[in-house]
Each structure stands twice: as C-alpha cells, then as structure tokens.
Amino acid sequence: MRIVLLFFALLIGSNLGAKPKVFFNYKIYYTPDHAAYVTTYLQFSGGTFKYAPTQSGALQASVEITQIFRVNDSIALVDKYLLDSPEMIDSIVDDFFDIQHYGLDPGVYNYELIVKDVLSGEQISGQQSLKIDVINDMKIQFSDIEFIQSAVQTQEKNNFVKNGYFILPYMTNYFPPEMEKIAFYMEIYNTAKVVGAEEKFLLTYCIANADNNQIVEGIFQVKRLPTSKIVPVIGYLPIIDLPSGDYNLMFNLIDKNNDTLASEMTLFQRRSDKEENYLSLEDITIDEQWMKDVPYDSIPYFLGSIMPISPRYEYETIRGMLQQGDTLMMERYFFAFWKKTNPTDPAREWYNYRQQVYYTEGLFGTQIKSGWETDRGRIWLKYGAPDQFIDRPNEPSAYPYQIWHYYRIGKRSDIRFIFYNPDLVTNDYPLLHSDMQGELQNYRWPYLLEKRDTPPSSVDDPGGSAHYGGNASLYYNEINR
C-alpha cells in the first residue's frame, strides 16, 4: 500500500484581499499497454479569486497554471496554460476544478505547482513528491484509489470523463458528519491474463479500523466483474453510522476457486457526531480543584499541546477554539478530553503528559514554535521517545538531520523517522520522511537532504544534477538491522 499526502492547500487565507486557495491531489493510472500516466486534480476555492464581467454580463475568473515534473534537478515535463472559471451568474461563486493527464516514465519525481490569479496578480505555489512504479504484467494490480463526489454516465470526451463516466473528484480523505457515504473510482489491471480471458471474479470492499485492522460490521459490498486488460470500478459504502476515527477502505479480488489473488487499501478519516463518546461541552462540570494547577492564561498553550495525541478529526475543533479565544470553552474541552482519556484519574493522566510537554519544550522548542508544535515534539508526544536515534549535524553536503528508530509502535515494528534542518538556523527540524502509516512519506528524501550545496533548476534552465555522497540512506536502511 502506498500512503501519500493526499492533498495540500497551497495557501489558506480569508476571502478578502487574500491569496488564492487551491487544493491539489494526484493519482497514477496505466494504459492497456502498461504505460503510466499521472492525473492531477486541482480544486479552486471560488471565493478567493478575483472576477471580471464577461460580454454576457456574467462574472469569470482567469487562472494561469504551471505544472512541473522534475527528476532530481532536471525538468522532465512542463505544462503552462490558462484556465477560465465557469461563468458565474451572480455574486455567489462556486468552486471550480481542473484535471490533466500526463504520461511519464516510472521513477521518482518532484512535482511543483504554480497558480496565478491573472486578474489580481496574486501567485501561490507548492511541491509534492510522487513515485511511479513499473507495472508487473504477471500480477493483478490496482491503480490508485480516487475518492469521488459523483459519477454520471456520459458520451462526452474530456479530462473529467473516464470509461464513459463524468467523475467529479473528492479532494481529501476526510469525511465530515454531513457525508453519508464514501464513493470511489479505481482500475484493476491484468485480470484477463491472471484469472483468464472471458472469466469472472469477485471484488469485495469493506472498512477496517486503521489501528487494529478490525473489520467494521455491516459495511460490505461485493461486485461480480468480467476480466479485461483494464477493469474500471465505481462503488460506494454507507458511512452514516460510522464513528469518528481513522479507517482503511479495503479491497480483495477473489477468483472462482475462492482464492484471494490481490488486495489493496487506502486510508481515510471519519468525523461523526453520533457516537456516544463524542466530546460534548454542553454539560461539562469542571473539577475546580484540579484545574487550579492549570494557570488560566496557559489554557491555550496546554489545549494546543494535546493535539499530538488527539484524533486527527479533532484538529479543526481545537484550532477553531484557539482562534476564537474563548478561554472558558477551551477549559471545558481540555477537561473533557482528559476525563474521556482516563475517567478514573484524569488529573494523574494529565500530570504525566504535562511532564512530557515540558520535556519537548526544552528539547525542541524554537523562538517561534512551542515544542509540541514542531514535528519532533509531535512525534515524541504521540509515539514516545525513540528507542534509538542518530544525530548528524555536520555531514558534508547534507543538511543537519536526525534519524529516529522505534522498535515498535502499536502493531507496527521497525519504524523510522528522518528530520532535517534546511534553514541551518532554527532548531525546528521538520519531518522529511517516515515509513509510519499516516505520516509523511517522501520518496525523494535522500535527494532533498543532499541539496544543501545543489541549487534547484528553474523552468527556463532545465539543467542541473543531483549531488549525493552522504550516509543518510545507509544509516536509515541499516540502523539496528
């Protein structure tokens, strides 16, 4: 299974005088001849762009888009084009989308996206590492799994149409309470060769808890499909009663002998307001004796400090309260969190955690970030202290870096994190790569780490070469093995 950063917001701001807001996603597919291509998805937040009247009197935005694929510092592909939004009839503007397909050879790429609002002149950019694998034509293989909003049969031919369906993408793997189903599109390759021509097979899909792989009862579907070079699949599962948490959407391909020939899964997050243990602040009675040990002016700090150990679906709730500045609500949430974590002795649970917060403050805090806000602080608080680590502050050509090794995290063993310090000034050390599920996985991390004395190329200067020579890859692969 390949875990990637499923989307990124290039820049977030308010609608008034702010930079454009754009969401990016990508998926990798293959042609019948096994040539790979990358499909890029862009969702433009309509209210963050400037509009001008058209000849018909409607409103329309214009966007200049540049998509760049680099291998090391050499540019493999550049696409620069203009996109006009749909015409808006009144002042209510909707989001709009762009989808492109790019044929690329297998390999590791650094993808760069540059978006410019033509009318306002505002420009934003972002980067994403991506990897294209060589397809094995002797095995059944799956494309990336794409979450979708809708799929409608059509005779049209455009970039939104796949195998006769107009597909509107769903740009994130987060499903809030108002979402009652999870829908997807995927492709299966080589079934005719492996299962047999003119045969049929079963595709089952279900939902499992990401922490323990326990299957969620009552959410299951099965399709009986004919074999082909490419088998497109559109399906959905109801999630209206699915509690909040991290889950895997799981697929199994089964032949006529009831043998499972291939499996795949992808991670998603669910936020529900229906489970019994959902944090409600309506009737919270605060233990004043305990809360005396939490200074009133420190409530925002301590509330933020629990984010590393909070479910990811609670992040926005905590961020919202920190932005609103309602100290009483923050205090109630903080108390409710620890009461839920340890109903019998929430104070003791908090005291123990607080010591770790103070510890990370001393180890990882910077002039502009608290210890728990840094990636190293977050990982320490979430998973505990590493069992082994390597600190390399002065390796030639490489930025300063640290490798943390955990012998075991939950049911997973032999987990690694690599942090680096690209600005050479602060003590921040952001996460560069990890093989832990749900954390950042960056296929180009050795190259990026070694770029300390290798300036990147530009669109107008496609030359350049990677400079390797450090020991990070050796340390990462061989630490305690």
Protein backbone atom coordinates (compact mmCIF):
# COMPACT_ATOMS: atom_id res chain seq x y z
CA MET A 1 0.00 0.00 0.00
CA ARG A 2 1.26 3.46 -0.88
CA ILE A 3 0.49 6.21 1.64
CA VAL A 4 0.95 9.73 0.35
CA LEU A 5 -0.02 13.17 1.36
CA LEU A 6 -3.47 13.05 -0.15
CA PHE A 7 -3.85 16.75 -0.75
CA PHE A 8 -2.33 20.05 0.21
CA ALA A 9 -3.73 23.54 0.43
CA LEU A 10 -1.24 25.82 -1.26
CA LEU A 11 -2.19 28.78 0.88
CA ILE A 12 -5.07 29.40 3.25
CA GLY A 13 -6.50 32.85 3.90
CA SER A 14 -9.69 34.80 4.24
CA ASN A 15 -11.63 35.74 1.13
CA LEU A 16 -10.98 39.47 1.44
CA GLY A 17 -7.66 40.52 -0.04
CA ALA A 18 -6.21 37.05 0.47
CA LYS A 19 -4.17 34.89 -1.82
CA PRO A 20 -5.99 32.24 -3.87
CA LYS A 21 -6.78 28.95 -2.15
CA VAL A 22 -6.17 25.80 -4.16
CA PHE A 23 -6.30 22.09 -3.30
CA PHE A 24 -4.19 19.53 -5.13
CA ASN A 25 -4.36 15.77 -5.49
CA TYR A 26 -2.93 13.23 -7.91
CA LYS A 27 -3.48 9.60 -8.89
CA ILE A 28 -1.47 7.19 -11.03
CA TYR A 29 -3.08 5.03 -13.71
CA TYR A 30 -1.88 2.82 -16.57
CA THR A 31 -2.93 2.36 -20.19
CA PRO A 32 -3.79 -1.09 -21.68
CA ASP A 33 -0.17 -1.23 -22.85
CA HIS A 34 1.05 -0.57 -19.29
CA ALA A 35 2.27 2.96 -19.96
CA ALA A 36 1.93 5.07 -16.82
CA TYR A 37 0.23 8.43 -16.58
CA VAL A 38 -0.39 10.85 -13.73
CA THR A 39 -3.77 12.52 -13.33
CA THR A 40 -3.58 15.83 -11.46
CA TYR A 41 -6.64 17.33 -9.77
CA LEU A 42 -7.00 20.98 -8.80
CA GLN A 43 -9.90 22.47 -6.87
CA PHE A 44 -10.02 26.27 -6.79
CA SER A 45 -11.83 27.90 -3.89
CA GLY A 46 -14.09 30.20 -5.89
CA GLY A 47 -14.41 32.92 -3.28
CA THR A 48 -10.65 33.52 -3.13
CA PHE A 49 -10.25 34.59 -6.78
CA LYS A 50 -10.93 37.92 -8.47
CA TYR A 51 -13.71 38.08 -11.09
CA ALA A 52 -14.34 40.34 -14.05
CA PRO A 53 -17.55 40.79 -16.07
CA THR A 54 -17.84 38.96 -19.40
CA GLN A 55 -19.60 40.21 -22.52
CA SER A 56 -22.75 38.42 -21.39
CA GLY A 57 -22.69 40.27 -18.05
CA ALA A 58 -21.65 37.21 -16.01
CA LEU A 59 -18.53 37.03 -13.80
CA GLN A 60 -15.45 34.98 -14.60
CA ALA A 61 -12.03 34.34 -13.07
CA SER A 62 -8.88 33.56 -15.04
CA VAL A 63 -6.07 31.37 -13.69
CA GLU A 64 -2.57 30.74 -15.02
CA ILE A 65 -1.40 27.24 -14.07
CA THR A 66 2.11 25.82 -14.32
CA GLN A 67 2.76 22.15 -13.56
CA ILE A 68 6.37 20.98 -13.46
CA PHE A 69 7.74 17.45 -13.05
CA ARG A 70 11.43 17.17 -12.16
CA VAL A 71 13.74 14.19 -11.86
CA ASN A 72 16.46 15.33 -9.47
CA ASP A 73 17.14 18.86 -10.81
CA SER A 74 16.31 18.09 -14.43
CA ILE A 75 12.89 19.07 -15.74
CA ALA A 76 11.08 16.12 -17.29
CA LEU A 77 7.84 17.89 -18.21
CA VAL A 78 6.36 21.38 -18.02
CA ASP A 79 2.77 22.38 -18.76
CA LYS A 80 1.78 26.06 -18.58
CA TYR A 81 -1.74 27.12 -19.56
CA LEU A 82 -4.66 29.43 -18.81
CA LEU A 83 -7.93 28.28 -17.28
CA ASP A 84 -11.13 30.34 -17.19
CA SER A 85 -13.63 29.56 -14.46
CA PRO A 86 -17.25 28.79 -15.35
CA GLU A 87 -19.27 31.95 -15.76
CA MET A 88 -20.97 32.99 -12.52
CA ILE A 89 -24.43 34.48 -12.91
CA ASP A 90 -24.43 36.45 -9.65
CA SER A 91 -22.16 37.28 -6.73
CA ILE A 92 -22.37 33.70 -5.38
CA VAL A 93 -19.31 31.93 -6.78
CA ASP A 94 -18.72 28.20 -6.70
CA ASP A 95 -15.51 26.21 -6.57
CA PHE A 96 -14.20 25.05 -9.92
CA PHE A 97 -11.89 22.22 -10.97
CA ASP A 98 -9.14 21.33 -13.40
CA ILE A 99 -7.97 17.83 -14.35
CA GLN A 100 -4.94 16.99 -16.51
CA HIS A 101 -3.29 13.74 -17.60
CA TYR A 102 0.48 13.40 -18.11
CA GLY A 103 2.30 10.38 -19.50
CA LEU A 104 5.52 9.83 -17.53
CA ASP A 105 8.12 7.09 -17.25
CA PRO A 106 8.42 5.16 -13.99
CA GLY A 107 10.58 6.93 -11.41
CA VAL A 108 10.57 9.43 -8.56
CA TYR A 109 9.51 12.99 -9.37
CA ASN A 110 9.40 16.30 -7.60
CA TYR A 111 6.14 17.93 -8.68
CA GLU A 112 5.76 21.71 -8.48
CA LEU A 113 2.52 23.62 -8.96
CA ILE A 114 2.35 27.38 -9.54
CA VAL A 115 -1.06 29.07 -9.64
CA LYS A 116 -1.55 32.72 -10.52
CA ASP A 117 -4.78 34.70 -10.33
CA VAL A 118 -4.49 36.62 -13.60
CA LEU A 119 -6.83 39.42 -12.53
CA SER A 120 -5.36 40.10 -9.08
CA GLY A 121 -1.77 39.13 -9.84
CA GLU A 122 -1.57 37.01 -6.68
CA GLN A 123 0.53 33.84 -7.04
CA ILE A 124 1.00 30.75 -4.88
CA SER A 125 2.99 27.55 -5.27
CA GLY A 126 3.57 24.18 -3.66
CA GLN A 127 5.55 20.98 -4.14
CA GLN A 128 4.81 17.27 -3.80
CA SER A 129 6.99 14.19 -4.17
CA LEU A 130 5.46 11.37 -6.23
CA LYS A 131 6.59 7.94 -7.36
CA ILE A 132 5.55 5.98 -10.44
CA ASP A 133 6.15 2.23 -10.25
CA VAL A 134 6.69 -0.18 -13.12
CA ILE A 135 3.57 -2.29 -13.51
CA ASN A 136 4.09 -6.05 -13.19
CA ASP A 137 2.17 -7.61 -16.09
CA MET A 138 2.23 -11.05 -14.44
CA LYS A 139 0.27 -9.92 -11.37
CA ILE A 140 -3.09 -8.35 -10.73
CA GLN A 141 -2.51 -4.74 -9.80
CA PHE A 142 -4.63 -1.79 -8.72
CA SER A 143 -4.48 1.84 -9.71
CA ASP A 144 -4.55 4.49 -7.03
CA ILE A 145 -7.94 4.73 -5.38
CA GLU A 146 -9.72 8.01 -6.06
CA PHE A 147 -12.43 9.33 -3.74
CA ILE A 148 -15.19 10.94 -5.78
CA GLN A 149 -18.24 13.15 -5.25
CA SER A 150 -20.29 11.74 -8.11
CA ALA A 151 -20.12 9.69 -11.30
CA VAL A 152 -22.61 10.10 -14.16
CA GLN A 153 -22.66 8.20 -17.47
CA THR A 154 -21.91 10.40 -20.45
CA GLN A 155 -20.97 10.33 -24.13
CA GLU A 156 -18.74 13.39 -23.74
CA LYS A 157 -14.97 13.28 -24.17
CA ASN A 158 -12.96 15.46 -21.80
CA ASN A 159 -10.49 15.19 -18.93
CA PHE A 160 -13.28 14.62 -16.39
CA VAL A 161 -14.53 11.51 -18.22
CA LYS A 162 -13.16 8.04 -17.51
CA ASN A 163 -14.56 4.91 -19.16
CA GLY A 164 -17.85 6.59 -20.05
CA TYR A 165 -18.41 8.33 -16.69
CA PHE A 166 -18.13 12.01 -15.86
CA ILE A 167 -16.38 11.87 -12.48
CA LEU A 168 -16.23 14.78 -10.05
CA PRO A 169 -13.31 14.24 -7.64
CA TYR A 170 -13.48 14.48 -3.86
CA MET A 171 -10.21 16.16 -2.98
CA THR A 172 -9.48 14.91 0.52
CA ASN A 173 -9.59 11.70 2.55
CA TYR A 174 -11.52 13.44 5.36
CA PHE A 175 -15.26 12.73 5.62
CA PRO A 176 -17.20 15.10 7.93
CA PRO A 177 -20.56 14.33 9.59
CA GLU A 178 -22.65 15.54 6.64
CA MET A 179 -21.08 12.93 4.34
CA GLU A 180 -23.23 9.80 4.44
CA LYS A 181 -21.28 7.64 2.00
CA ILE A 182 -17.76 7.11 0.75
CA ALA A 183 -17.56 6.77 -3.04
CA PHE A 184 -14.54 5.80 -5.13
CA TYR A 185 -13.14 5.11 -8.59
CA MET A 186 -10.30 2.67 -9.30
CA GLU A 187 -8.90 0.47 -12.06
CA ILE A 188 -7.71 -3.16 -11.93
CA TYR A 189 -5.07 -4.41 -14.34
CA ASN A 190 -4.10 -7.84 -15.76
CA THR A 191 -7.20 -9.79 -14.67
CA ALA A 192 -7.56 -11.35 -18.13
CA LYS A 193 -4.00 -12.68 -18.05
CA VAL A 194 -4.04 -13.90 -14.43
CA VAL A 195 -7.65 -15.05 -13.95
CA GLY A 196 -8.27 -15.95 -17.58
CA ALA A 197 -9.92 -14.40 -20.62
CA GLU A 198 -13.73 -14.25 -20.53
CA GLU A 199 -13.75 -15.27 -16.87
CA LYS A 200 -15.35 -13.50 -13.94
CA PHE A 201 -14.08 -12.63 -10.50
CA LEU A 202 -15.39 -11.12 -7.26
CA LEU A 203 -14.29 -7.79 -5.87
CA THR A 204 -15.18 -7.24 -2.22
CA TYR A 205 -14.75 -3.96 -0.38
CA CYS A 206 -15.25 -3.08 3.26
CA ILE A 207 -13.98 -0.76 6.01
CA ALA A 208 -11.48 -1.67 8.73
CA ASN A 209 -10.18 0.24 11.73
CA ALA A 210 -6.73 1.62 10.82
CA ASP A 211 -5.32 0.93 14.28
CA ASN A 212 -6.10 -2.77 14.57
CA ASN A 213 -7.43 -3.80 11.11
CA GLN A 214 -10.68 -4.97 12.69
CA ILE A 215 -13.44 -5.09 10.05
CA VAL A 216 -16.41 -2.81 10.69
CA GLU A 217 -19.54 -4.96 10.72
CA GLY A 218 -22.43 -4.17 8.42
CA ILE A 219 -20.45 -2.17 5.83
CA PHE A 220 -19.61 -4.52 2.97
CA GLN A 221 -20.17 -4.77 -0.78
CA VAL A 222 -19.30 -7.32 -3.46
CA LYS A 223 -19.20 -6.99 -7.26
CA ARG A 224 -19.01 -9.74 -9.84
CA LEU A 225 -16.92 -8.43 -12.73
CA PRO A 226 -15.63 -9.74 -16.08
CA THR A 227 -11.90 -9.90 -16.70
CA SER A 228 -10.20 -7.46 -19.06
CA LYS A 229 -6.90 -5.63 -19.57
CA ILE A 230 -8.40 -2.78 -17.55
CA VAL A 231 -11.41 -3.20 -15.27
CA PRO A 232 -12.82 0.17 -14.10
CA VAL A 233 -14.68 0.09 -10.79
CA ILE A 234 -17.04 2.69 -9.31
CA GLY A 235 -18.58 1.94 -5.95
CA TYR A 236 -19.63 3.33 -2.60
CA LEU A 237 -20.17 2.32 1.01
CA PRO A 238 -22.56 3.90 3.54
CA ILE A 239 -20.79 5.58 6.47
CA ILE A 240 -23.71 7.37 8.12
CA ASP A 241 -23.30 5.28 11.30
CA LEU A 242 -19.51 5.03 11.17
CA PRO A 243 -17.94 6.51 14.34
CA SER A 244 -15.15 9.03 14.23
CA GLY A 245 -11.72 7.58 13.63
CA ASP A 246 -9.07 6.53 11.13
CA TYR A 247 -10.06 3.73 8.77
CA ASN A 248 -8.87 1.78 5.77
CA LEU A 249 -11.07 1.20 2.74
CA MET A 250 -10.08 -2.40 1.88
CA PHE A 251 -10.41 -4.38 -1.36
CA ASN A 252 -9.98 -8.09 -2.08
CA LEU A 253 -10.07 -9.74 -5.51
CA ILE A 254 -11.30 -13.34 -5.35
CA ASP A 255 -11.33 -15.93 -8.15
CA LYS A 256 -13.82 -18.73 -8.84
CA ASN A 257 -11.88 -21.04 -6.50
CA ASN A 258 -12.45 -18.59 -3.65
CA ASP A 259 -8.75 -17.71 -3.57
CA THR A 260 -7.77 -14.11 -2.82
CA LEU A 261 -5.48 -13.07 -5.66
CA ALA A 262 -4.86 -9.44 -4.75
CA SER A 263 -5.65 -6.89 -2.04
CA GLU A 264 -5.43 -3.13 -1.71
CA MET A 265 -6.44 -0.47 0.80
CA THR A 266 -6.36 3.28 1.32
CA LEU A 267 -6.59 5.39 4.46
CA PHE A 268 -9.40 7.82 5.25
CA GLN A 269 -10.59 9.80 8.27
CA ARG A 270 -14.15 9.99 9.54
CA ARG A 271 -15.67 12.63 11.80
CA SER A 272 -19.09 11.74 13.19
CA ASP A 273 -21.38 13.50 15.64
CA LYS A 274 -23.37 10.38 16.51
CA GLU A 275 -21.13 8.26 18.72
CA GLU A 276 -21.78 8.23 22.44
CA ASN A 277 -18.26 9.20 23.43
CA TYR A 278 -18.12 12.25 21.20
CA LEU A 279 -16.71 15.20 23.16
CA SER A 280 -19.68 17.40 24.06
CA LEU A 281 -19.13 20.56 26.07
CA GLU A 282 -22.73 21.32 26.88
CA ASP A 283 -22.91 19.82 30.36
CA ILE A 284 -19.25 19.69 31.36
CA THR A 285 -18.67 20.39 35.06
CA ILE A 286 -15.07 21.35 35.59
CA ASP A 287 -13.16 19.98 38.58
CA GLU A 288 -12.02 23.30 40.03
CA GLN A 289 -9.54 21.65 42.41
CA TRP A 290 -7.70 20.00 39.54
CA MET A 291 -7.90 22.98 37.19
CA LYS A 292 -6.21 25.20 39.82
CA ASP A 293 -3.00 23.53 38.66
CA VAL A 294 -3.63 24.79 35.11
CA PRO A 295 -2.99 28.56 35.03
CA TYR A 296 -5.83 30.40 33.32
CA ASP A 297 -3.52 32.23 30.92
CA SER A 298 -1.87 28.91 29.98
CA ILE A 299 -5.08 27.22 28.81
CA PRO A 300 -4.45 27.93 25.08
CA TYR A 301 -0.91 26.52 25.36
CA PHE A 302 -1.99 23.36 27.14
CA LEU A 303 -5.02 22.87 24.87
CA GLY A 304 -2.77 23.07 21.83
CA SER A 305 -0.34 20.66 23.43
CA ILE A 306 -2.86 17.80 23.32
CA MET A 307 -3.14 17.94 19.53
CA PRO A 308 -0.35 15.37 19.00
CA ILE A 309 -2.34 12.76 20.95
CA SER A 310 -5.81 13.82 19.76
CA PRO A 311 -7.65 12.07 16.93
CA ARG A 312 -6.95 13.87 13.68
CA TYR A 313 -10.64 14.57 13.20
CA GLU A 314 -10.48 16.79 16.32
CA TYR A 315 -7.69 19.02 14.97
CA GLU A 316 -10.02 21.55 13.38
CA THR A 317 -12.13 21.76 16.55
CA ILE A 318 -9.05 22.60 18.63
CA ARG A 319 -7.71 25.06 16.06
CA GLY A 320 -11.11 26.76 15.90
CA MET A 321 -11.24 27.26 19.67
CA LEU A 322 -7.69 28.62 19.71
CA GLN A 323 -8.60 31.13 17.01
CA GLN A 324 -11.83 32.18 18.75
CA GLY A 325 -10.05 32.71 22.07
CA ASP A 326 -12.95 31.64 24.31
CA THR A 327 -10.94 30.54 27.34
CA LEU A 328 -13.93 29.03 29.14
CA MET A 329 -14.77 26.77 26.18
CA MET A 330 -11.11 25.80 25.85
CA GLU A 331 -11.03 24.94 29.55
CA ARG A 332 -14.14 22.77 29.22
CA TYR A 333 -12.76 20.97 26.20
CA PHE A 334 -9.41 20.43 27.91
CA PHE A 335 -11.07 18.93 31.00
CA ALA A 336 -13.43 16.79 28.89
CA PHE A 337 -10.51 15.42 26.90
CA TRP A 338 -8.67 14.15 29.97
CA LYS A 339 -11.87 12.91 31.58
CA LYS A 340 -12.51 10.84 28.46
CA THR A 341 -8.87 9.67 28.33
CA ASN A 342 -8.85 8.46 31.94
CA PRO A 343 -12.30 8.60 33.61
CA THR A 344 -10.99 7.38 36.97
CA ASP A 345 -7.97 9.70 37.35
CA PRO A 346 -7.86 12.39 34.64
CA ALA A 347 -5.61 14.63 36.73
CA ARG A 348 -2.89 11.99 37.03
CA GLU A 349 -3.08 11.31 33.31
CA TRP A 350 -2.63 15.00 32.60
CA TYR A 351 0.26 15.45 35.05
CA ASN A 352 2.18 12.62 33.40
CA TYR A 353 1.59 14.07 29.95
CA ARG A 354 2.46 17.58 31.07
CA GLN A 355 5.94 16.40 32.06
CA GLN A 356 6.46 15.18 28.50
CA VAL A 357 5.18 18.52 27.13
CA TYR A 358 7.72 20.39 29.27
CA TYR A 359 10.40 17.94 28.17
CA THR A 360 9.72 18.51 24.47
CA GLU A 361 9.69 22.26 25.11
CA GLY A 362 13.25 22.11 26.34
CA LEU A 363 14.40 19.75 23.60
CA PHE A 364 12.60 21.04 20.51
CA GLY A 365 11.10 24.49 21.20
CA THR A 366 12.17 27.36 18.95
CA GLN A 367 11.80 31.13 19.09
CA ILE A 368 8.56 30.95 17.11
CA LYS A 369 7.23 27.46 17.91
CA SER A 370 6.41 25.63 21.10
CA GLY A 371 7.98 22.20 21.45
CA TRP A 372 4.71 20.39 20.76
CA GLU A 373 4.21 22.41 17.54
CA THR A 374 7.42 21.08 15.97
CA ASP A 375 7.44 17.76 14.13
CA ARG A 376 9.93 16.23 16.55
CA GLY A 377 7.84 17.33 19.52
CA ARG A 378 4.66 16.00 17.93
CA ILE A 379 6.24 12.62 17.17
CA TRP A 380 7.74 12.38 20.68
CA LEU A 381 4.40 13.13 22.35
CA LYS A 382 2.42 10.87 20.03
CA TYR A 383 4.70 7.82 19.95
CA GLY A 384 7.04 8.35 22.89
CA ALA A 385 10.82 8.62 22.94
CA PRO A 386 12.63 6.74 20.15
CA ASP A 387 14.43 3.54 21.03
CA GLN A 388 17.44 4.63 19.00
CA PHE A 389 18.49 7.76 17.14
CA ILE A 390 21.30 9.13 15.01
CA ASP A 391 22.20 12.82 15.07
CA ARG A 392 24.26 14.15 12.15
CA PRO A 393 24.65 17.93 12.45
CA ASN A 394 27.72 18.39 10.22
CA GLU A 395 27.69 15.87 7.38
CA PRO A 396 29.28 17.28 4.17
CA SER A 397 26.73 18.45 1.56
CA ALA A 398 23.75 17.34 3.66
CA TYR A 399 21.56 19.49 5.85
CA PRO A 400 21.74 18.60 9.56
CA TYR A 401 19.47 15.62 10.18
CA GLN A 402 18.30 13.12 12.76
CA ILE A 403 17.01 9.57 12.29
CA TRP A 404 14.68 8.20 14.96
CA HIS A 405 14.08 4.47 15.19
CA TYR A 406 11.19 2.86 17.04
CA TYR A 407 11.34 -0.87 17.57
CA ARG A 408 7.56 -0.98 17.78
CA ILE A 409 4.60 1.42 17.53
CA GLY A 410 1.31 -0.29 18.25
CA LYS A 411 1.16 -3.33 15.97
CA ARG A 412 3.84 -1.99 13.64
CA SER A 413 7.51 -2.68 14.11
CA ASP A 414 10.79 -1.24 12.84
CA ILE A 415 9.53 2.32 12.24
CA ARG A 416 11.79 5.19 11.21
CA PHE A 417 11.51 8.97 11.06
CA ILE A 418 14.03 11.31 9.48
CA PHE A 419 14.04 15.02 10.36
CA TYR A 420 16.24 17.71 8.81
CA ASN A 421 17.14 21.37 9.27
CA PRO A 422 17.08 23.09 5.86
CA ASP A 423 17.34 26.65 7.21
CA LEU A 424 20.50 25.86 9.24
CA VAL A 425 19.42 28.43 11.84
CA THR A 426 16.44 27.29 13.92
CA ASN A 427 16.02 24.16 15.98
CA ASP A 428 12.85 23.21 14.12
CA TYR A 429 13.90 20.09 12.13
CA PRO A 430 10.70 19.34 10.16
CA LEU A 431 9.85 15.76 9.27
CA LEU A 432 11.32 14.78 5.90
CA HIS A 433 10.18 11.15 5.62
CA SER A 434 8.80 8.22 7.62
CA ASP A 435 7.63 4.68 6.93
CA MET A 436 4.89 5.01 9.58
CA GLN A 437 1.38 4.74 8.18
CA GLY A 438 -0.35 8.12 8.13
CA GLU A 439 2.88 10.12 8.38
CA LEU A 440 4.65 11.97 5.58
CA GLN A 441 6.25 9.62 3.06
CA ASN A 442 8.62 11.44 0.73
CA TYR A 443 10.21 9.25 -1.93
CA ARG A 444 12.83 11.88 -2.77
CA TRP A 445 14.08 12.41 0.77
CA PRO A 446 17.76 11.39 0.13
CA TYR A 447 17.96 13.84 -2.76
CA LEU A 448 16.30 16.69 -0.85
CA LEU A 449 18.55 16.10 2.16
CA GLU A 450 21.65 16.42 -0.04
CA LYS A 451 20.58 19.70 -1.69
CA ARG A 452 22.47 21.89 0.78
CA ASP A 453 25.02 22.84 -1.91
CA THR A 454 22.96 21.96 -5.02
CA PRO A 455 20.71 24.84 -6.13
CA PRO A 456 17.48 23.83 -7.90
CA SER A 457 16.95 24.45 -11.60
CA SER A 458 14.24 26.71 -12.97
CA VAL A 459 11.71 26.24 -15.74
CA ASP A 460 13.96 28.27 -18.03
CA ASP A 461 17.09 26.37 -17.02
CA PRO A 462 16.34 22.63 -17.10
CA GLY A 463 19.91 21.57 -16.37
CA GLY A 464 21.35 20.57 -13.03
CA SER A 465 22.49 17.41 -11.37
CA ALA A 466 21.92 15.74 -8.04
CA HIS A 467 24.76 15.68 -5.53
CA TYR A 468 24.90 12.63 -3.30
CA GLY A 469 27.66 11.41 -1.05
CA GLY A 470 26.26 11.44 2.48
CA ASN A 471 25.50 8.48 4.69
CA ALA A 472 21.82 9.18 5.47
CA SER A 473 20.44 6.39 3.25
CA LEU A 474 22.89 3.90 4.75
CA TYR A 475 22.01 4.92 8.30
CA TYR A 476 18.29 4.90 7.54
CA ASN A 477 18.33 1.44 5.99
CA GLU A 478 20.81 -0.24 8.30
CA ILE A 479 20.10 1.25 11.74
CA ASN A 480 19.76 -1.72 14.13
CA ARG A 481 19.05 -4.19 11.31
